[in-house]
C-alpha atoms as a PDB file:
ATOM      1  CA  MET A   1      -3.712  11.913 -26.352  1.00  0.00           C
ATOM      2  CA  ILE A   2      -1.971  10.488 -23.274  1.00  0.00           C
ATOM      3  CA  ALA A   3      -2.916  13.082 -21.026  1.00  0.00           C
ATOM      4  CA  ALA A   4      -6.658  12.615 -22.228  1.00  0.00           C
ATOM      5  CA  HIS A   5      -6.292   8.947 -21.530  1.00  0.00           C
ATOM      6  CA  ASN A   6      -4.963   9.597 -18.103  1.00  0.00           C
ATOM      7  CA  LEU A   7      -7.595  11.862 -17.206  1.00  0.00           C
ATOM      8  CA  ASN A   8     -10.159   9.352 -18.254  1.00  0.00           C
ATOM      9  CA  TYR A   9      -8.833   6.632 -16.501  1.00  0.00           C
ATOM     10  CA  ARG A  10      -8.447   8.574 -13.314  1.00  0.00           C
ATOM     11  CA  ARG A  11     -12.332   9.507 -13.491  1.00  0.00           C
ATOM     12  CA  ASN A  12     -13.361   5.968 -14.219  1.00  0.00           C
ATOM     13  CA  THR A  13     -10.925   4.391 -11.598  1.00  0.00           C
ATOM     14  CA  GLY A  14     -13.242   6.545  -8.914  1.00  0.00           C
ATOM     15  CA  ALA A  15     -16.423   5.267 -10.335  1.00  0.00           C
ATOM     16  CA  VAL A  16     -15.460   1.890 -10.671  1.00  0.00           C
ATOM     17  CA  ARG A  17     -14.317   1.822  -7.355  1.00  0.00           C
ATOM     18  CA  ALA A  18     -17.354   3.649  -5.624  1.00  0.00           C
ATOM     19  CA  ALA A  19     -19.167   0.819  -7.383  1.00  0.00           C
ATOM     20  CA  HIS A  20     -17.133  -1.968  -6.174  1.00  0.00           C
ATOM     21  CA  PRO A  21     -15.594  -0.732  -3.093  1.00  0.00           C
ATOM     22  CA  SER A  22     -13.203  -4.088  -2.701  1.00  0.00           C
ATOM     23  CA  ILE A  23     -11.574  -3.217  -5.837  1.00  0.00           C
ATOM     24  CA  SER A  24      -8.140  -1.746  -4.699  1.00  0.00           C
ATOM     25  CA  ARG A  25      -5.758   0.589  -6.626  1.00  0.00           C
ATOM     26  CA  PHE A  26      -2.187  -0.056  -7.671  1.00  0.00           C
ATOM     27  CA  LEU A  27       0.410   2.015  -5.597  1.00  0.00           C
ATOM     28  CA  THR A  28       3.613   2.963  -7.218  1.00  0.00           C
ATOM     29  CA  ARG A  29       7.284   2.342  -5.628  1.00  0.00           C
ATOM     30  CA  ASP A  30       7.205   6.075  -4.469  1.00  0.00           C
ATOM     31  CA  GLU A  31       3.841   5.952  -3.062  1.00  0.00           C
ATOM     32  CA  VAL A  32       4.571   2.845  -0.978  1.00  0.00           C
ATOM     33  CA  PHE A  33       8.076   4.307   0.328  1.00  0.00           C
ATOM     34  CA  SER A  34       5.822   7.389   1.552  1.00  0.00           C
ATOM     35  CA  LEU A  35       3.280   5.104   3.339  1.00  0.00           C
ATOM     36  CA  VAL A  36       5.598   2.951   4.912  1.00  0.00           C
ATOM     37  CA  GLY A  37       8.400   5.082   5.447  1.00  0.00           C
ATOM     38  CA  GLU A  38      10.964   3.090   4.642  1.00  0.00           C
ATOM     39  CA  SER A  39      13.903   2.660   1.909  1.00  0.00           C
ATOM     40  CA  TYR A  40      13.695   0.054  -0.863  1.00  0.00           C
ATOM     41  CA  PRO A  41      16.454  -2.084   0.665  1.00  0.00           C
ATOM     42  CA  ALA A  42      14.406  -2.515   3.690  1.00  0.00           C
ATOM     43  CA  LEU A  43      11.207  -3.290   1.742  1.00  0.00           C
ATOM     44  CA  TRP A  44      13.288  -5.724  -0.644  1.00  0.00           C
ATOM     45  CA  SER A  45      14.214  -7.497   2.653  1.00  0.00           C
ATOM     46  CA  TRP A  46      11.152  -7.955   3.691  1.00  0.00           C
ATOM     47  CA  MET A  47       9.476  -9.023   0.572  1.00  0.00           C
ATOM     48  CA  LYS A  48      12.455 -11.680   0.326  1.00  0.00           C
ATOM     49  CA  SER A  49      11.431 -13.009   3.677  1.00  0.00           C
ATOM     50  CA  GLY A  50       7.805 -13.095   3.274  1.00  0.00           C
ATOM     51  CA  GLN A  51       7.292 -10.149   5.618  1.00  0.00           C
ATOM     52  CA  PHE A  52       5.644  -7.356   3.028  1.00  0.00           C
ATOM     53  CA  PRO A  53       3.410  -7.990   0.276  1.00  0.00           C
ATOM     54  CA  LEU A  54       4.831  -8.440  -3.299  1.00  0.00           C
ATOM     55  CA  PRO A  55       4.210  -6.060  -6.011  1.00  0.00           C
ATOM     56  CA  ARG A  56       2.262  -6.982  -8.978  1.00  0.00           C
ATOM     57  CA  VAL A  57       3.718  -6.940 -12.874  1.00  0.00           C
ATOM     58  CA  ILE A  58       1.516  -4.691 -14.606  1.00  0.00           C
ATOM     59  CA  GLY A  59       3.734  -4.685 -17.508  1.00  0.00           C
ATOM     60  CA  LYS A  60       4.383  -7.330 -20.689  1.00  0.00           C
ATOM     61  CA  GLY A  61       6.291  -9.559 -17.878  1.00  0.00           C
ATOM     62  CA  GLU A  62       9.507  -8.528 -18.918  1.00  0.00           C
ATOM     63  CA  ARG A  63      12.385  -8.280 -16.867  1.00  0.00           C
ATOM     64  CA  ARG A  64      11.890  -4.367 -16.554  1.00  0.00           C
ATOM     65  CA  SER A  65       8.185  -3.851 -16.641  1.00  0.00           C
ATOM     66  CA  PRO A  66       6.746  -1.714 -13.880  1.00  0.00           C
ATOM     67  CA  VAL A  67       5.753  -3.260 -10.899  1.00  0.00           C
ATOM     68  CA  ARG A  68       2.881  -1.714  -8.277  1.00  0.00           C
ATOM     69  CA  TRP A  69       1.534  -2.939  -5.042  1.00  0.00           C
ATOM     70  CA  LEU A  70      -1.924  -3.297  -3.932  1.00  0.00           C
ATOM     71  CA  GLU A  71      -2.982  -0.530  -1.823  1.00  0.00           C
ATOM     72  CA  SER A  72      -5.356  -2.971   0.147  1.00  0.00           C
ATOM     73  CA  GLU A  73      -2.442  -5.484   0.866  1.00  0.00           C
ATOM     74  CA  VAL A  74      -0.213  -2.694   2.031  1.00  0.00           C
ATOM     75  CA  ALA A  75      -2.980  -1.074   4.253  1.00  0.00           C
ATOM     76  CA  GLU A  76      -3.539  -4.915   5.768  1.00  0.00           C
ATOM     77  CA  TRP A  77       0.155  -4.961   6.172  1.00  0.00           C
ATOM     78  CA  MET A  78       0.467  -1.570   8.058  1.00  0.00           C
ATOM     79  CA  ALA A  79      -2.528  -2.356  10.277  1.00  0.00           C
ATOM     80  CA  SER A  80      -1.046  -5.551  11.287  1.00  0.00           C
ATOM     81  CA  ARG A  81       2.140  -3.980  12.787  1.00  0.00           C
ATOM     82  CA  ALA A  82       2.533  -4.351  16.405  1.00  0.00           C
ATOM     83  CA  VAL A  83       1.483  -1.341  18.556  1.00  0.00           C
ATOM     84  CA  ARG A  84       4.407  -0.151  20.883  1.00  0.00           C
ATOM     85  CA  ARG A  85       3.418   1.213  24.218  1.00  0.00           C
ATOM     86  CA  PRO A  86       5.490   3.476  26.048  1.00  0.00           C
ATOM     87  CA  LYS A  87       7.181   2.357  29.329  1.00  0.00           C
ATOM     88  CA  GLY A  88       5.173   2.688  32.368  1.00  0.00           C
ATOM     89  CA  MET A  89       1.783   2.569  30.148  1.00  0.00           C
ATOM     90  CA  ARG A  90      -0.929   0.510  31.177  1.00  0.00           C
ATOM     91  CA  ALA A  91      -1.842  -2.673  28.954  1.00  0.00           C
ATOM     92  CA  GLU A  92      -5.168  -1.169  28.005  1.00  0.00           C
ATOM     93  CA  TYR A  93      -5.119   2.122  26.557  1.00  0.00           C
ATOM     94  CA  LYS A  94      -8.296   4.142  27.470  1.00  0.00           C
ATOM     95  CA  PRO A  95      -9.369   7.746  26.119  1.00  0.00           C
ATOM     96  CA  LYS A  96      -9.555  10.038  29.301  1.00  0.00           C
ATOM     97  CA  GLY A  97     -13.252  10.725  29.933  1.00  0.00           C
ATOM     98  CA  LYS A  98     -14.693   7.656  28.854  1.00  0.00           C
END
């Protein structure tokens, strides 16, 4: 029963996202680690200092309730990171041939 529910949920969320592109999906802790490439202690430190999006509680709000991050907020955070240019690179990058 649970597997069928998960399959239907996945099917329906794709349709909902297609109809409402502004709706973001929830990311698990492992998905966030994979995207950001940092450990939980680093993320925890950034969250405490307001430098990283806070997760949402998706359970009953109890102490051990699962939390998830909004994909759109994590993507926005990633896009906001400064770009580091190698030494000697011009201020403006222009691809060859353009």
